[in-house]
Protein backbone atom coordinates (compact mmCIF):
# COMPACT_ATOMS: atom_id res chain seq x y z
CA ALA A 1 -97.58 -59.52 6.70
CA GLY A 2 -95.66 -58.92 9.33
CA ASP A 3 -93.84 -56.26 8.00
CA SER A 4 -97.27 -54.33 7.60
CA VAL A 5 -98.21 -55.02 11.10
CA ALA A 6 -94.94 -53.76 12.36
CA SER A 7 -95.85 -50.57 10.13
CA VAL A 8 -98.98 -50.16 11.56
CA ARG A 9 -97.66 -50.32 15.15
CA SER A 10 -94.69 -47.89 14.64
CA GLN A 11 -97.39 -45.35 13.58
CA LEU A 12 -99.21 -45.76 16.27
CA ALA A 13 -95.80 -45.59 18.51
CA TYR A 14 -94.78 -42.50 16.81
CA VAL A 15 -97.85 -40.81 16.64
CA THR A 16 -98.52 -42.46 20.68
CA PRO A 17 -95.28 -42.08 22.64
CA ALA A 18 -94.76 -43.74 25.82
CA ALA A 19 -94.82 -40.56 27.56
CA PRO A 20 -98.35 -39.09 28.50
CA ARG A 21 -97.99 -36.16 26.31
CA LEU A 22 -100.10 -37.81 23.49
CA VAL A 23 -101.09 -36.67 19.88
CA ALA A 24 -104.20 -37.83 18.61
CA THR A 25 -107.54 -37.57 20.39
CA ILE A 26 -110.69 -39.55 20.63
CA THR A 27 -114.14 -38.24 21.15
CA ASP A 28 -117.00 -40.47 22.23
CA GLY A 29 -120.23 -39.74 19.94
CA GLY A 30 -122.14 -43.05 20.79
CA THR A 31 -120.83 -44.30 17.16
CA ASN A 32 -117.40 -45.74 15.50
CA GLN A 33 -116.95 -42.02 13.67
CA MET A 34 -114.87 -39.33 15.85
CA ALA A 35 -116.04 -36.36 15.16
CA SER A 36 -115.05 -33.08 17.44
CA SER A 37 -112.38 -30.11 17.10
CA LYS A 38 -111.76 -30.52 20.64
CA ARG A 39 -108.55 -30.73 22.16
CA PRO A 40 -107.35 -32.45 25.37
CA PRO A 41 -106.51 -29.50 27.89
CA GLU A 42 -102.88 -28.06 27.76
CA ASP A 43 -102.08 -29.63 31.03
CA ASP A 44 -102.77 -33.53 31.20
CA SER A 45 -101.18 -34.17 34.88
CA LYS A 46 -104.48 -34.03 36.37
CA LEU A 47 -106.32 -36.14 33.75
CA PRO A 48 -107.51 -39.60 35.18
CA THR A 49 -105.68 -42.71 33.71
CA TYR A 50 -107.10 -46.14 32.77
CA ARG A 51 -104.80 -48.91 32.72
CA LEU A 52 -106.89 -51.28 30.73
CA VAL A 53 -105.61 -54.35 29.40
CA VAL A 54 -106.83 -56.28 26.65
CA ILE A 55 -107.09 -60.00 27.18
CA GLY A 56 -108.39 -63.34 25.29
CA ASP A 57 -107.37 -66.39 23.58
CA GLY A 58 -105.27 -66.50 20.46
CA GLY A 59 -106.39 -65.72 16.98
CA VAL A 60 -109.71 -63.54 18.10
CA GLY A 61 -108.71 -60.26 17.10
CA LYS A 62 -107.63 -58.64 20.47
CA SER A 63 -104.84 -56.66 18.19
CA SER A 64 -107.37 -55.82 15.54
CA LEU A 65 -109.84 -53.76 18.17
CA THR A 66 -106.70 -52.13 19.67
CA ILE A 67 -105.20 -50.90 16.57
CA GLN A 68 -108.51 -49.87 14.94
CA PHE A 69 -109.55 -47.75 17.93
CA PHE A 70 -105.76 -45.90 18.22
CA GLN A 71 -105.76 -45.81 14.65
CA LEU A 72 -105.84 -42.05 13.61
CA ARG A 73 -108.37 -41.85 11.14
CA GLN A 74 -109.08 -39.79 8.21
CA PHE A 75 -112.40 -37.68 8.73
CA GLN A 76 -112.67 -34.16 8.11
CA SER A 77 -113.63 -33.39 11.57
CA PHE A 78 -110.83 -35.29 13.06
CA PHE A 79 -107.75 -32.77 14.66
CA PHE A 80 -104.44 -33.43 15.34
CA ILE A 81 -101.31 -31.57 17.16
CA PHE A 82 -99.52 -31.94 13.48
CA GLU A 83 -102.77 -31.22 11.60
CA SER A 84 -101.50 -32.11 8.39
CA TRP A 85 -100.87 -35.44 9.26
CA LYS A 86 -103.33 -37.64 7.98
CA PHE A 87 -102.91 -41.78 7.68
CA GLN A 88 -105.89 -44.24 6.59
CA LYS A 89 -107.23 -46.73 8.82
CA GLN A 90 -105.92 -50.61 8.10
CA PHE A 91 -107.57 -53.71 9.09
CA LEU A 92 -105.18 -56.54 9.89
CA ASP A 93 -107.32 -59.58 7.69
CA TYR A 94 -104.01 -61.58 8.58
CA TYR A 95 -103.23 -63.35 12.09
CA ASP A 96 -99.65 -61.86 13.29
CA PRO A 97 -99.31 -63.27 17.16
CA THR A 98 -98.70 -60.40 19.71
CA ILE A 99 -96.28 -60.29 22.53
CA GLU A 100 -97.06 -57.35 24.41
CA ASP A 101 -97.97 -54.10 22.94
CA GLN A 102 -98.69 -50.67 24.46
CA TYR A 103 -100.78 -47.61 23.40
CA ILE A 104 -101.73 -44.50 25.56
CA GLN A 105 -104.03 -42.19 24.22
CA HIS A 106 -105.93 -39.02 25.11
CA CYS A 107 -110.12 -39.77 25.07
CA GLU A 108 -113.36 -38.34 25.68
CA VAL A 109 -115.71 -40.19 27.36
CA ASP A 110 -119.47 -38.89 28.37
CA GLY A 111 -117.93 -35.34 27.75
CA ASN A 112 -114.65 -35.93 30.12
CA TRP A 113 -111.09 -36.02 29.03
CA VAL A 114 -109.11 -39.06 30.25
CA ILE A 115 -105.94 -41.12 29.54
CA MET A 116 -106.39 -44.12 28.18
CA ASP A 117 -102.89 -47.03 28.87
CA VAL A 118 -103.97 -49.89 26.74
CA LEU A 119 -102.08 -53.41 26.85
CA ASP A 120 -102.78 -55.64 24.17
CA THR A 121 -101.19 -59.25 25.15
CA ALA A 122 -100.52 -62.44 24.14
CA GLY A 123 -103.38 -65.25 23.87
CA GLN A 124 -100.73 -68.15 22.72
CA GLU A 125 -100.28 -70.65 25.74
CA GLU A 126 -96.59 -70.17 25.57
CA PHE A 127 -96.70 -66.60 26.83
CA SER A 128 -99.03 -67.47 29.72
CA ALA A 129 -96.68 -67.05 31.85
CA MET A 130 -96.77 -63.14 31.48
CA ARG A 131 -100.39 -63.25 32.16
CA GLU A 132 -100.25 -62.49 35.96
CA GLN A 133 -97.98 -59.88 36.18
CA TYR A 134 -100.47 -57.68 33.21
CA MET A 135 -103.56 -59.21 35.42
CA ARG A 136 -102.00 -57.44 38.62
CA ASN A 137 -101.22 -54.12 37.09
CA GLY A 138 -104.77 -53.65 34.72
CA ARG A 139 -107.30 -51.65 36.18
CA GLY A 140 -109.94 -52.75 33.59
CA PHE A 141 -110.25 -55.73 31.82
CA LEU A 142 -111.57 -56.26 27.68
CA LEU A 143 -111.97 -60.14 27.34
CA VAL A 144 -112.17 -60.78 24.12
CA PHE A 145 -113.64 -63.72 22.01
CA SER A 146 -114.12 -65.16 18.24
CA VAL A 147 -117.73 -65.83 17.43
CA THR A 148 -116.33 -68.63 14.99
CA GLU A 149 -114.70 -70.06 17.52
CA ARG A 150 -116.22 -72.12 20.38
CA LYS A 151 -112.85 -72.26 22.39
CA SER A 152 -112.06 -69.14 22.82
CA LEU A 153 -115.28 -68.51 24.34
CA ASP A 154 -114.26 -71.52 27.11
CA GLU A 155 -111.04 -69.52 27.13
CA ALA A 156 -112.42 -66.34 28.16
CA VAL A 157 -114.43 -67.65 30.91
CA LYS A 158 -111.03 -69.45 32.31
CA LEU A 159 -109.01 -66.00 32.08
CA TYR A 160 -112.04 -64.47 34.18
CA ARG A 161 -112.09 -66.66 36.65
CA GLN A 162 -107.88 -66.31 36.71
CA VAL A 163 -108.48 -62.21 36.82
CA LEU A 164 -110.07 -62.52 40.12
CA ARG A 165 -108.01 -65.23 41.47
CA VAL A 166 -105.19 -63.01 40.66
CA LYS A 167 -106.92 -59.90 42.14
CA ASP A 168 -108.40 -62.00 45.37
CA ARG A 169 -111.80 -60.52 44.28
CA THR A 170 -115.46 -62.10 43.83
CA GLU A 171 -115.89 -59.51 40.62
CA TYR A 172 -113.64 -57.09 38.68
CA PRO A 173 -113.91 -54.79 35.79
CA VAL A 174 -114.37 -56.47 33.21
CA LEU A 175 -115.97 -56.32 29.38
CA LEU A 176 -116.96 -59.63 27.87
CA VAL A 177 -116.41 -59.06 23.98
CA ALA A 178 -117.74 -61.40 21.18
CA ASN A 179 -115.56 -60.08 18.00
CA LYS A 180 -115.13 -61.41 14.18
CA ILE A 181 -119.34 -60.63 13.91
CA ASP A 182 -118.90 -59.65 10.41
CA LEU A 183 -118.00 -63.33 9.30
CA THR A 184 -121.67 -64.11 9.65
CA ASN A 185 -121.11 -67.75 7.87
CA GLN A 186 -118.55 -69.20 9.84
CA ARG A 187 -120.10 -67.95 13.23
CA VAL A 188 -120.83 -70.79 15.74
CA VAL A 189 -121.44 -68.87 19.03
CA THR A 190 -124.76 -67.01 18.85
CA GLU A 191 -125.46 -63.84 20.24
CA ALA A 192 -127.95 -65.85 23.01
CA GLU A 193 -125.29 -67.93 23.94
CA GLY A 194 -122.78 -65.29 24.13
CA ARG A 195 -125.19 -63.24 26.60
CA SER A 196 -125.96 -66.55 28.39
CA VAL A 197 -122.16 -66.96 29.10
CA ALA A 198 -122.00 -63.26 30.36
CA ALA A 199 -125.15 -63.38 32.30
CA ASN A 200 -123.82 -66.55 34.34
CA LEU A 201 -120.45 -64.51 35.04
CA LYS A 202 -122.11 -61.54 35.75
CA LEU A 203 -120.32 -59.41 33.13
CA PRO A 204 -121.71 -57.14 30.78
CA TYR A 205 -121.41 -58.27 27.46
CA ILE A 206 -120.93 -56.76 24.01
CA GLU A 207 -120.80 -57.47 20.04
CA THR A 208 -117.93 -55.91 17.76
CA SER A 209 -115.97 -56.16 14.67
CA ALA A 210 -112.81 -54.62 13.70
CA LYS A 211 -113.23 -54.75 10.01
CA ASP A 212 -113.90 -51.78 7.82
CA PRO A 213 -116.98 -50.14 9.10
CA PRO A 214 -115.88 -51.35 12.44
CA VAL A 215 -118.94 -52.40 14.69
CA ASN A 216 -118.83 -51.09 18.66
CA VAL A 217 -115.33 -50.80 18.71
CA ASP A 218 -114.67 -47.43 20.17
CA ALA A 219 -118.20 -48.13 21.95
CA ALA A 220 -116.19 -51.26 23.74
CA PHE A 221 -113.34 -49.52 25.11
CA HIS A 222 -115.35 -46.40 26.24
CA GLU A 223 -117.53 -48.74 28.61
CA LEU A 224 -115.26 -50.51 30.13
CA VAL A 225 -113.71 -46.89 31.55
CA ARG A 226 -117.74 -46.58 33.03
CA ILE A 227 -117.41 -49.57 34.28
CA VAL A 228 -113.98 -48.72 36.13
CA LYS A 229 -115.18 -45.73 36.79
CA SER A 230 -118.49 -47.54 38.69
CA PHE A 231 -116.02 -50.17 40.92
CA PRO A 232 -114.17 -49.01 43.89
CA SER A 233 -110.52 -48.49 43.38
CA ASP A 234 -107.91 -51.54 44.54
CA GLU A 235 -106.75 -48.74 47.37
CA ASP A 236 -110.10 -48.54 48.80
CA GLU A 237 -111.11 -52.12 48.58
CA GLU A 238 -107.80 -52.85 50.86
CA GLU A 239 -108.76 -49.80 53.32
CA ASN A 240 -112.40 -51.36 53.58
CA SER A 241 -111.33 -54.18 54.08
CA ASN A 242 -108.76 -53.05 57.07
CA GLY A 243 -111.77 -51.39 58.49
CA VAL A 244 -110.73 -47.97 57.51
CA SER A 245 -112.92 -46.05 55.22
CA PRO A 246 -111.02 -43.68 52.70
CA ASN A 247 -113.10 -40.49 53.94
CA ARG A 248 -111.80 -41.40 57.42
CA THR A 249 -108.36 -41.79 56.25
CA LYS A 250 -108.15 -38.32 54.26
CA ALA A 251 -109.25 -36.76 57.49
CA LYS A 252 -106.42 -38.47 59.64
CA LYS A 253 -104.66 -36.65 57.02
CA LYS A 254 -106.06 -33.53 57.33
CA LYS A 255 -105.74 -33.47 61.22
CA VAL A 256 -103.96 -30.63 62.72
CA LYS A 257 -101.96 -31.23 65.92
CA GLN A 258 -102.80 -29.26 69.23
CA LYS A 259 -100.19 -27.19 70.27
CA CYS A 260 -99.17 -28.52 73.77
CA VAL A 261 -99.20 -26.59 76.77
CA ILE A 262 -97.41 -27.09 80.39
CA MET A 263 -99.06 -24.96 82.83
């Protein structure tokens, strides 16, 4: 099992190198299909980069969601820089614990190209010491729980509170994701319960399945980008807390020094 997971991840790592020059394109068509012949701009240096982190208890499907989103899909209208390369989608139907995996991808969201820098994190308690580090660096969070395990929802609530503590904020860009909705016979957390918890936390909510055919996988990542866009950046918040508006700061930088004339 571990070898198969490594194979999937190595394919992704190969077509999605650490450098921001990326291979595959993902477009937002409102569904999980990717149907566009558009390419990202040649110069991606000016594209906004969104540092997103996938968090949740162990075994809730964080890696399956992430890999499903980033995997190269075998659609006729899906184009690559290396157009002759095609890969079949794969679903991880077994549990292979993750320590930390990073994926970087060009994506088109609402007609605008962005770069998604996504960190798939460990959910096991033995890796809890690493959490605060990636919470400090994350700009938005997919907070995942499994509808087949009530404990994972309780853990999601704890993780959200930890994000707020680490960020020293009363709210932050987080999307609560109810995963594994394909396992209807094993479901113990109803949609009403999930939405109630999300409402209490003042979080948006979405239900997903990473199993083929995937449900709301693309929608979850795209929605998180929209949420991040709607929040002020950490830099803006810091300036506002110091009583300085971002516009005023920029204006000061542009101010031209006047010459001094001695009469």
